Amino acid sequence: MTIIRYLALSAILCLLIGCATKSAQDKPVTLKVFGDVNRVLNLKESGPGTLAEFHSLYPGIQVEVIAEHDEWRILHQSIDMLDASSANAPDIIEMPGSWVAAFASKNQLLPLDDWFAKLPAPNRKDHVAALLKSYSYEKHLYGLPSMIGIQYLYGRKELLPETRLPTTLDGLLALSREIRKTHGIQGVIFPSAGIHLAKFYHTLLMIELANTAANDRLTAHTRAYSVFSTLVRENQPDYKKFSHAVAEGEFRSGRAGLSINGNYVWYLLSRSRQVGFPIVPEDVTVGYLPVASTDIAPVNYIWTRGYVINAKTRHPREARLLLEYLTSPQSQFRRLRDRYILPARTSVAFYGDSLPGMRPAPAKKLYKTGENAAPFKKMNESPPGWKESTESIQRLLETALASGMTPAEVAGRMIIIETMAR
């Protein structure tokens, strides 16, 4: 980054947060933050967006980081911490927006409506508005997003037909089989270890629903499971071995023609030459999911990570200050250094194509505002029963794959799970 760009960024930061001044505390307090803080609170770093800067702004607030990088462990440990009402429970928890209802429905999260409404207008308006909805439950705001993840469909250009990336389940399955038959490599590769199996199924279901005029979920589940089980059987029968890292590594190594994975793979592709992988961005076409067609407007294809505040924190004022900082442009700047992370701030567009993560068209469209904004930015509120239904779907998929259940049988049970979640 040039000095001019850095100075311009600093001007934007002051505009958005009002150049925060130091906090006057009666006595020092300590806040605990639990989760994957994505290097924002690295104790060894200094400069914009770091814990050192937060301490200089608010010297009366100390921050203790309880680091955990596994998403599923964060969820279950958060449940234990808040259910126990322990004095050692964290003040702030880093979590996806989809979890919010599970905690807010039990009054375990601090409502943020009034506080957020009083933030300076440039600060509030800089948040990607649609993403705030995913941190809401029963019309109340309980958290702020800090970053965005997108499911991309990657395809190697030399292996794609003239019609390019498929936009339907039939097209995805047909192309996967053609790649296997013609080129002798895996057709499509995807993360499927642990809970990622359920996430992959959900992606295929969204593709099917997006291509269906009528919202017939029984038929959609039947078709989604049929293609899901076929793709697992033909490509990854040992699906428990395919973590995110394994899936992206296999694709970058040239051992698969298609990949369904997160936007971070685009950044890794940009570094392929440096570390010896043969597949680089110039070799790859990328489209957004649930469908690769820009003519269809899917819902809930974006995942978010952000922060919520424990309703029983002893320091709500200080916790709000830290929450604002963790989701501020300074902290987004730290994430942008990692190049693949897409912040939940419209000011990220300032960087344009200077960052690999911003180059794919789906990423650019996320930050477009106004009447011409992309329709696929829609987000639903955090769904109640998300944890229970996701775990039930995971168990059903594992059982179905092992026992050979028919797609119709799986679909019927999926409808029951959805009905119970509602």
Protein backbone atom coordinates (compact mmCIF):
# COMPACT_ATOMS: atom_id res chain seq x y z
CA MET A 1 0.00 0.00 0.00
CA THR A 2 1.42 3.43 -0.94
CA ILE A 3 1.65 6.24 1.61
CA ILE A 4 -1.06 8.15 -0.28
CA ARG A 5 -3.42 5.20 -0.04
CA TYR A 6 -2.61 4.80 3.64
CA LEU A 7 -3.31 8.48 4.33
CA ALA A 8 -6.55 8.27 2.40
CA LEU A 9 -7.53 5.26 4.48
CA SER A 10 -6.78 7.19 7.67
CA ALA A 11 -9.05 10.02 6.52
CA ILE A 12 -11.84 7.52 5.87
CA LEU A 13 -11.36 5.96 9.30
CA CYS A 14 -11.71 9.34 11.02
CA LEU A 15 -14.83 10.12 9.03
CA LEU A 16 -16.44 6.80 9.89
CA ILE A 17 -15.63 6.54 13.58
CA GLY A 18 -15.21 10.18 14.52
CA CYS A 19 -11.53 9.71 15.47
CA ALA A 20 -12.26 8.08 18.83
CA THR A 21 -10.72 9.64 21.91
CA LYS A 22 -9.40 7.96 24.99
CA SER A 23 -11.84 6.49 27.46
CA ALA A 24 -11.93 7.86 30.98
CA GLN A 25 -12.42 4.88 33.29
CA ASP A 26 -12.97 5.12 37.03
CA LYS A 27 -10.87 1.99 37.41
CA PRO A 28 -9.43 -0.55 34.96
CA VAL A 29 -11.72 -3.32 33.73
CA THR A 30 -10.90 -6.53 31.89
CA LEU A 31 -12.99 -7.81 28.98
CA LYS A 32 -12.79 -11.39 27.77
CA VAL A 33 -13.22 -12.16 24.07
CA PHE A 34 -13.82 -15.76 22.98
CA GLY A 35 -13.53 -17.17 19.49
CA ASP A 36 -11.53 -16.84 16.31
CA VAL A 37 -10.50 -13.20 16.41
CA ASN A 38 -8.79 -13.45 13.02
CA ARG A 39 -5.53 -11.84 14.07
CA VAL A 40 -7.22 -8.53 14.96
CA LEU A 41 -6.26 -9.02 18.61
CA ASN A 42 -2.76 -10.38 18.07
CA LEU A 43 -0.91 -9.23 21.17
CA LYS A 44 2.37 -8.92 19.27
CA GLU A 45 1.14 -6.53 16.58
CA SER A 46 0.77 -2.76 16.60
CA GLY A 47 -0.78 -0.15 14.35
CA PRO A 48 -4.31 0.37 13.01
CA GLY A 49 -6.81 -2.27 14.05
CA THR A 50 -4.68 -3.96 16.70
CA LEU A 51 -5.19 -4.52 20.39
CA ALA A 52 -2.30 -2.11 21.03
CA GLU A 53 -4.23 0.67 19.31
CA PHE A 54 -7.39 -0.16 21.27
CA HIS A 55 -5.43 0.07 24.52
CA SER A 56 -4.05 3.47 23.48
CA LEU A 57 -7.58 4.70 22.77
CA TYR A 58 -9.05 3.19 25.95
CA PRO A 59 -6.23 2.70 28.47
CA GLY A 60 -8.70 1.77 31.21
CA ILE A 61 -9.85 -1.36 29.36
CA GLN A 62 -7.74 -4.50 29.29
CA VAL A 63 -8.62 -7.33 26.88
CA GLU A 64 -8.08 -11.03 27.46
CA VAL A 65 -8.32 -13.20 24.35
CA ILE A 66 -9.57 -16.80 24.68
CA ALA A 67 -8.62 -18.07 21.23
CA GLU A 68 -10.43 -20.93 19.50
CA HIS A 69 -10.36 -21.48 15.76
CA ASP A 70 -12.70 -24.47 15.29
CA GLU A 71 -16.19 -23.15 14.52
CA TRP A 72 -18.09 -26.10 15.97
CA ARG A 73 -16.07 -26.04 19.21
CA ILE A 74 -16.74 -22.30 19.53
CA LEU A 75 -20.47 -22.99 19.29
CA HIS A 76 -20.59 -25.75 21.89
CA GLN A 77 -18.20 -24.04 24.30
CA SER A 78 -20.25 -20.83 24.00
CA ILE A 79 -23.40 -22.77 24.90
CA ASP A 80 -21.69 -24.25 27.97
CA MET A 81 -20.24 -20.89 29.05
CA LEU A 82 -23.50 -18.96 28.81
CA ASP A 83 -25.74 -21.73 30.13
CA ALA A 84 -23.57 -22.02 33.23
CA SER A 85 -23.74 -18.26 33.88
CA SER A 86 -20.13 -18.50 35.03
CA ALA A 87 -18.29 -15.46 36.31
CA ASN A 88 -15.55 -16.47 33.87
CA ALA A 89 -17.90 -16.35 30.89
CA PRO A 90 -16.65 -14.13 28.04
CA ASP A 91 -17.96 -10.61 27.60
CA ILE A 92 -17.84 -10.87 23.82
CA ILE A 93 -18.18 -13.95 21.63
CA GLU A 94 -17.16 -14.16 17.99
CA MET A 95 -19.83 -16.06 16.06
CA PRO A 96 -21.65 -16.43 12.73
CA GLY A 97 -24.97 -14.62 12.36
CA SER A 98 -26.83 -17.92 12.00
CA TRP A 99 -26.21 -18.70 15.70
CA VAL A 100 -27.75 -15.53 17.11
CA ALA A 101 -31.30 -16.83 17.58
CA ALA A 102 -30.06 -19.83 19.59
CA PHE A 103 -28.71 -17.47 22.26
CA ALA A 104 -31.00 -14.44 21.90
CA SER A 105 -34.09 -16.61 22.32
CA LYS A 106 -32.80 -17.46 25.82
CA ASN A 107 -32.05 -13.79 26.64
CA GLN A 108 -28.32 -14.51 26.73
CA LEU A 109 -27.26 -11.67 24.40
CA LEU A 110 -27.27 -7.93 24.99
CA PRO A 111 -29.73 -6.08 22.68
CA LEU A 112 -27.94 -3.42 20.63
CA ASP A 113 -30.78 -1.52 18.91
CA ASP A 114 -30.62 1.69 20.95
CA TRP A 115 -26.82 1.76 21.07
CA PHE A 116 -26.45 1.16 17.34
CA ALA A 117 -29.04 3.85 16.52
CA LYS A 118 -26.92 6.42 18.39
CA LEU A 119 -23.69 5.69 16.51
CA PRO A 120 -22.56 8.41 14.07
CA ALA A 121 -24.50 8.15 10.80
CA PRO A 122 -21.40 7.51 8.62
CA ASN A 123 -20.48 4.62 10.89
CA ARG A 124 -23.95 3.04 10.77
CA LYS A 125 -24.35 3.51 7.03
CA ASP A 126 -20.94 1.99 6.32
CA HIS A 127 -22.17 -1.42 7.49
CA VAL A 128 -23.52 -3.60 4.67
CA ALA A 129 -27.17 -3.19 5.67
CA ALA A 130 -28.36 -6.61 4.54
CA LEU A 131 -25.85 -8.31 6.83
CA LEU A 132 -27.23 -6.63 9.95
CA LYS A 133 -30.40 -8.64 9.44
CA SER A 134 -28.51 -11.89 9.96
CA TYR A 135 -27.59 -10.67 13.46
CA SER A 136 -31.21 -9.94 14.32
CA TYR A 137 -33.82 -11.99 16.12
CA GLU A 138 -37.49 -11.00 16.35
CA LYS A 139 -36.60 -7.63 14.79
CA HIS A 140 -33.96 -6.76 17.41
CA LEU A 141 -30.23 -6.41 16.73
CA TYR A 142 -27.93 -8.57 18.87
CA GLY A 143 -24.57 -8.36 17.14
CA LEU A 144 -22.50 -6.79 14.39
CA PRO A 145 -20.93 -8.62 11.45
CA SER A 146 -17.24 -8.13 10.85
CA MET A 147 -16.57 -10.24 7.79
CA ILE A 148 -18.30 -12.05 4.95
CA GLY A 149 -17.76 -15.44 3.37
CA ILE A 150 -19.06 -16.45 -0.03
CA GLN A 151 -19.49 -19.91 -1.47
CA TYR A 152 -17.90 -19.87 -4.92
CA LEU A 153 -18.10 -22.38 -7.73
CA TYR A 154 -14.63 -22.65 -9.24
CA GLY A 155 -13.99 -24.23 -12.64
CA ARG A 156 -10.81 -24.76 -14.62
CA LYS A 157 -11.28 -22.93 -17.92
CA GLU A 158 -9.60 -25.57 -20.07
CA LEU A 159 -12.03 -28.23 -18.78
CA LEU A 160 -15.26 -26.22 -19.10
CA PRO A 161 -17.67 -26.46 -22.04
CA GLU A 162 -18.62 -23.41 -24.11
CA THR A 163 -21.57 -22.86 -21.76
CA ARG A 164 -18.99 -22.32 -18.99
CA LEU A 165 -19.99 -22.97 -15.36
CA PRO A 166 -23.15 -25.03 -14.71
CA THR A 167 -26.14 -23.29 -13.14
CA THR A 168 -28.26 -26.31 -12.18
CA LEU A 169 -27.75 -29.56 -10.26
CA ASP A 170 -28.15 -31.58 -13.46
CA GLY A 171 -25.52 -29.44 -15.14
CA LEU A 172 -23.14 -29.76 -12.17
CA LEU A 173 -23.49 -33.54 -12.09
CA ALA A 174 -23.13 -33.92 -15.86
CA LEU A 175 -20.00 -31.76 -15.99
CA SER A 176 -18.46 -33.55 -12.99
CA ARG A 177 -18.92 -36.89 -14.77
CA GLU A 178 -17.58 -35.54 -18.07
CA ILE A 179 -14.41 -34.26 -16.38
CA ARG A 180 -13.85 -37.62 -14.68
CA LYS A 181 -14.42 -39.53 -17.91
CA THR A 182 -12.40 -37.30 -20.25
CA HIS A 183 -9.56 -36.12 -18.03
CA GLY A 184 -9.26 -38.86 -15.42
CA ILE A 185 -9.38 -36.50 -12.43
CA GLN A 186 -11.97 -35.75 -9.76
CA GLY A 187 -14.97 -33.95 -11.19
CA VAL A 188 -15.97 -31.69 -8.29
CA ILE A 189 -14.24 -31.34 -4.93
CA PHE A 190 -15.77 -29.83 -1.80
CA PRO A 191 -15.23 -29.64 1.97
CA SER A 192 -17.17 -32.49 3.59
CA ALA A 193 -15.36 -33.26 6.86
CA GLY A 194 -17.49 -32.81 9.96
CA ILE A 195 -20.36 -30.34 9.77
CA HIS A 196 -19.22 -29.28 6.28
CA LEU A 197 -21.13 -32.29 4.95
CA ALA A 198 -24.41 -30.65 6.01
CA LYS A 199 -23.24 -27.31 4.61
CA PHE A 200 -22.49 -28.89 1.24
CA TYR A 201 -25.95 -30.48 1.16
CA HIS A 202 -27.52 -27.11 2.00
CA THR A 203 -25.64 -25.51 -0.89
CA LEU A 204 -27.04 -28.07 -3.33
CA LEU A 205 -30.54 -27.58 -1.90
CA MET A 206 -30.24 -23.81 -2.46
CA ILE A 207 -29.16 -24.41 -6.06
CA GLU A 208 -32.23 -26.57 -6.62
CA LEU A 209 -34.62 -24.11 -4.96
CA ALA A 210 -33.16 -21.21 -6.93
CA ASN A 211 -33.92 -23.05 -10.15
CA THR A 212 -37.45 -24.06 -9.16
CA ALA A 213 -40.42 -21.82 -9.88
CA ALA A 214 -42.55 -23.35 -7.12
CA ASN A 215 -41.21 -23.60 -3.57
CA ASP A 216 -41.81 -27.36 -3.38
CA ARG A 217 -39.35 -28.34 -0.69
CA LEU A 218 -40.16 -32.07 -0.73
CA THR A 219 -39.27 -32.31 -4.42
CA ALA A 220 -36.27 -30.02 -3.93
CA HIS A 221 -34.93 -32.19 -1.08
CA THR A 222 -35.47 -35.33 -3.15
CA ARG A 223 -33.49 -33.96 -6.08
CA ALA A 224 -30.84 -32.35 -3.89
CA TYR A 225 -30.13 -35.56 -1.99
CA SER A 226 -30.06 -37.60 -5.19
CA VAL A 227 -27.32 -35.39 -6.64
CA PHE A 228 -25.59 -34.99 -3.25
CA SER A 229 -25.28 -38.74 -2.67
CA THR A 230 -24.09 -39.27 -6.25
CA LEU A 231 -21.41 -36.58 -6.00
CA VAL A 232 -20.18 -37.96 -2.67
CA ARG A 233 -20.15 -41.55 -3.94
CA GLU A 234 -18.43 -40.74 -7.24
CA ASN A 235 -15.99 -38.13 -5.95
CA GLN A 236 -15.48 -38.40 -2.18
CA PRO A 237 -16.68 -41.72 -0.73
CA ASP A 238 -14.17 -41.10 2.09
CA TYR A 239 -15.78 -37.71 2.72
CA LYS A 240 -14.53 -37.46 6.31
CA LYS A 241 -11.01 -36.77 4.99
CA PHE A 242 -11.92 -33.68 2.98
CA SER A 243 -11.43 -30.64 5.17
CA HIS A 244 -11.34 -27.10 3.74
CA ALA A 245 -7.57 -27.28 3.44
CA VAL A 246 -7.56 -30.69 1.72
CA ALA A 247 -10.27 -29.66 -0.74
CA GLU A 248 -8.59 -26.40 -1.77
CA GLY A 249 -5.18 -28.09 -1.94
CA GLU A 250 -6.45 -30.81 -4.27
CA PHE A 251 -8.06 -28.23 -6.56
CA ARG A 252 -4.94 -26.04 -6.68
CA SER A 253 -2.88 -29.16 -7.39
CA GLY A 254 -4.88 -29.87 -10.54
CA ARG A 255 -6.52 -33.03 -9.27
CA ALA A 256 -10.08 -31.73 -9.69
CA GLY A 257 -11.87 -29.81 -12.40
CA LEU A 258 -14.48 -28.04 -10.25
CA SER A 259 -14.54 -26.87 -6.65
CA ILE A 260 -17.27 -25.58 -4.34
CA ASN A 261 -15.51 -23.70 -1.57
CA GLY A 262 -15.15 -20.35 0.18
CA ASN A 263 -13.87 -17.09 -1.26
CA TYR A 264 -10.53 -17.55 0.54
CA VAL A 265 -9.51 -20.07 -2.15
CA TRP A 266 -9.28 -17.21 -4.63
CA TYR A 267 -6.59 -15.62 -2.49
CA LEU A 268 -4.74 -18.94 -2.20
CA LEU A 269 -4.90 -19.34 -5.97
CA SER A 270 -3.24 -15.94 -6.29
CA ARG A 271 -0.30 -17.33 -4.31
CA SER A 272 -0.07 -20.66 -6.12
CA ARG A 273 3.02 -19.77 -8.14
CA GLN A 274 4.89 -18.73 -5.01
CA VAL A 275 4.37 -22.09 -3.32
CA GLY A 276 4.53 -24.36 -6.35
CA PHE A 277 0.88 -25.17 -7.11
CA PRO A 278 0.15 -25.41 -10.85
CA ILE A 279 -3.39 -23.94 -10.88
CA VAL A 280 -3.45 -20.11 -10.72
CA PRO A 281 -6.26 -17.50 -11.01
CA GLU A 282 -5.76 -17.08 -14.75
CA ASP A 283 -6.70 -20.75 -15.19
CA VAL A 284 -9.95 -20.49 -13.23
CA THR A 285 -13.45 -19.15 -13.76
CA VAL A 286 -15.36 -18.28 -10.59
CA GLY A 287 -19.10 -17.87 -10.10
CA TYR A 288 -21.28 -17.34 -7.05
CA LEU A 289 -23.53 -19.88 -5.40
CA PRO A 290 -26.19 -21.16 -4.85
CA VAL A 291 -26.20 -20.68 -8.62
CA ALA A 292 -23.61 -19.52 -11.10
CA SER A 293 -26.24 -17.66 -13.16
CA THR A 294 -26.54 -13.92 -12.45
CA ASP A 295 -30.17 -14.04 -13.65
CA ILE A 296 -31.31 -15.78 -10.46
CA ALA A 297 -31.47 -14.06 -7.06
CA PRO A 298 -30.73 -16.58 -4.27
CA VAL A 299 -31.22 -15.89 -0.56
CA ASN A 300 -28.86 -16.77 2.33
CA TYR A 301 -25.89 -17.80 0.26
CA ILE A 302 -23.64 -15.49 2.31
CA TRP A 303 -22.20 -16.49 5.67
CA THR A 304 -21.09 -13.93 8.20
CA ARG A 305 -18.75 -13.79 11.17
CA GLY A 306 -19.06 -11.09 13.79
CA TYR A 307 -19.44 -10.39 17.49
CA VAL A 308 -22.14 -10.44 20.17
CA ILE A 309 -22.12 -9.33 23.81
CA ASN A 310 -22.98 -11.56 26.76
CA ALA A 311 -26.17 -10.17 28.35
CA LYS A 312 -24.65 -10.73 31.79
CA THR A 313 -21.42 -8.85 31.17
CA ARG A 314 -20.46 -6.70 34.14
CA HIS A 315 -19.10 -4.05 31.80
CA PRO A 316 -21.72 -3.35 29.08
CA ARG A 317 -20.41 0.13 28.26
CA GLU A 318 -16.84 -1.07 27.78
CA ALA A 319 -18.03 -4.15 25.88
CA ARG A 320 -19.87 -1.92 23.40
CA LEU A 321 -16.71 0.13 22.89
CA LEU A 322 -14.74 -3.02 22.12
CA LEU A 323 -17.52 -4.35 19.86
CA GLU A 324 -17.47 -1.11 17.90
CA TYR A 325 -13.70 -1.34 17.58
CA LEU A 326 -13.71 -5.00 16.49
CA THR A 327 -16.11 -4.14 13.66
CA SER A 328 -14.52 -0.78 12.81
CA PRO A 329 -12.71 0.17 9.60
CA GLN A 330 -9.39 -0.07 11.47
CA SER A 331 -10.05 -3.72 12.24
CA GLN A 332 -11.24 -4.29 8.68
CA PHE A 333 -7.88 -2.92 7.58
CA ARG A 334 -6.16 -5.71 9.50
CA ARG A 335 -8.34 -8.27 7.76
CA LEU A 336 -7.68 -6.76 4.36
CA ARG A 337 -4.00 -7.42 4.91
CA ASP A 338 -4.92 -11.09 4.65
CA ARG A 339 -6.37 -10.28 1.23
CA TYR A 340 -9.04 -12.99 1.08
CA ILE A 341 -11.35 -11.75 3.85
CA LEU A 342 -14.27 -9.58 2.76
CA PRO A 343 -15.22 -7.11 5.50
CA ALA A 344 -18.83 -6.22 6.34
CA ARG A 345 -18.14 -2.56 5.52
CA THR A 346 -18.97 -0.77 2.27
CA SER A 347 -15.76 1.26 2.60
CA VAL A 348 -13.86 -1.86 1.56
CA ALA A 349 -14.66 -0.84 -2.02
CA PHE A 350 -11.92 1.78 -1.55
CA TYR A 351 -9.39 -0.98 -2.25
CA GLY A 352 -10.92 -2.09 -5.54
CA ASP A 353 -8.90 -4.63 -7.49
CA SER A 354 -5.76 -3.99 -5.45
CA LEU A 355 -6.70 -7.02 -3.34
CA PRO A 356 -7.18 -10.48 -4.90
CA GLY A 357 -10.25 -11.17 -2.79
CA MET A 358 -12.06 -8.20 -4.38
CA ARG A 359 -11.45 -9.19 -8.00
CA PRO A 360 -14.22 -11.77 -8.61
CA ALA A 361 -17.50 -10.16 -9.71
CA PRO A 362 -19.50 -11.68 -6.80
CA ALA A 363 -17.27 -9.89 -4.30
CA LYS A 364 -17.58 -6.53 -6.05
CA LYS A 365 -21.37 -6.75 -6.18
CA LEU A 366 -21.64 -7.23 -2.43
CA TYR A 367 -20.60 -3.64 -1.84
CA LYS A 368 -22.76 -1.99 -4.45
CA THR A 369 -25.52 0.11 -2.85
CA GLY A 370 -28.63 1.94 -3.97
CA GLU A 371 -31.33 1.09 -6.50
CA ASN A 372 -28.95 -0.87 -8.72
CA ALA A 373 -27.59 -3.05 -5.92
CA ALA A 374 -27.41 -6.76 -6.64
CA PRO A 375 -30.64 -8.54 -5.54
CA PHE A 376 -28.74 -11.53 -4.19
CA LYS A 377 -27.61 -9.46 -1.19
CA LYS A 378 -30.82 -10.40 0.65
CA MET A 379 -30.38 -12.01 4.06
CA ASN A 380 -32.84 -13.58 6.48
CA GLU A 381 -32.92 -13.10 10.23
CA SER A 382 -31.00 -15.61 12.29
CA PRO A 383 -33.17 -18.75 12.21
CA PRO A 384 -34.43 -20.26 15.48
CA GLY A 385 -33.54 -23.92 15.94
CA TRP A 386 -30.51 -23.63 13.63
CA LYS A 387 -28.16 -25.69 15.81
CA GLU A 388 -30.60 -28.53 16.44
CA SER A 389 -31.71 -28.75 12.81
CA THR A 390 -28.15 -28.62 11.47
CA GLU A 391 -27.03 -31.40 13.80
CA SER A 392 -30.11 -33.46 12.87
CA ILE A 393 -29.41 -32.97 9.15
CA GLN A 394 -25.77 -33.99 9.68
CA ARG A 395 -26.82 -37.23 11.43
CA LEU A 396 -29.43 -37.97 8.76
CA LEU A 397 -26.93 -37.50 5.92
CA GLU A 398 -24.35 -39.75 7.57
CA THR A 399 -26.97 -42.44 8.19
CA ALA A 400 -28.40 -42.15 4.69
CA LEU A 401 -25.00 -42.45 3.01
CA ALA A 402 -24.10 -45.49 5.12
CA SER A 403 -27.44 -47.31 4.76
CA GLY A 404 -28.43 -46.48 1.18
CA MET A 405 -31.68 -44.67 2.00
CA THR A 406 -33.61 -43.52 -1.05
CA PRO A 407 -33.80 -39.81 -1.93
CA ALA A 408 -37.55 -39.87 -1.23
CA GLU A 409 -36.98 -41.29 2.27
CA VAL A 410 -34.32 -38.68 3.02
CA ALA A 411 -36.53 -35.88 1.69
CA GLY A 412 -39.41 -36.92 3.95
CA ARG A 413 -37.18 -36.82 7.01
CA MET A 414 -35.70 -33.48 5.95
CA ILE A 415 -39.19 -31.97 5.89
CA ILE A 416 -39.82 -33.28 9.42
CA ILE A 417 -36.57 -31.70 10.65
CA GLU A 418 -37.48 -28.36 9.04
CA THR A 419 -40.98 -28.47 10.52
CA MET A 420 -39.66 -29.17 14.02
CA ALA A 421 -37.10 -26.32 13.68
CA ARG A 422 -39.87 -23.85 12.86
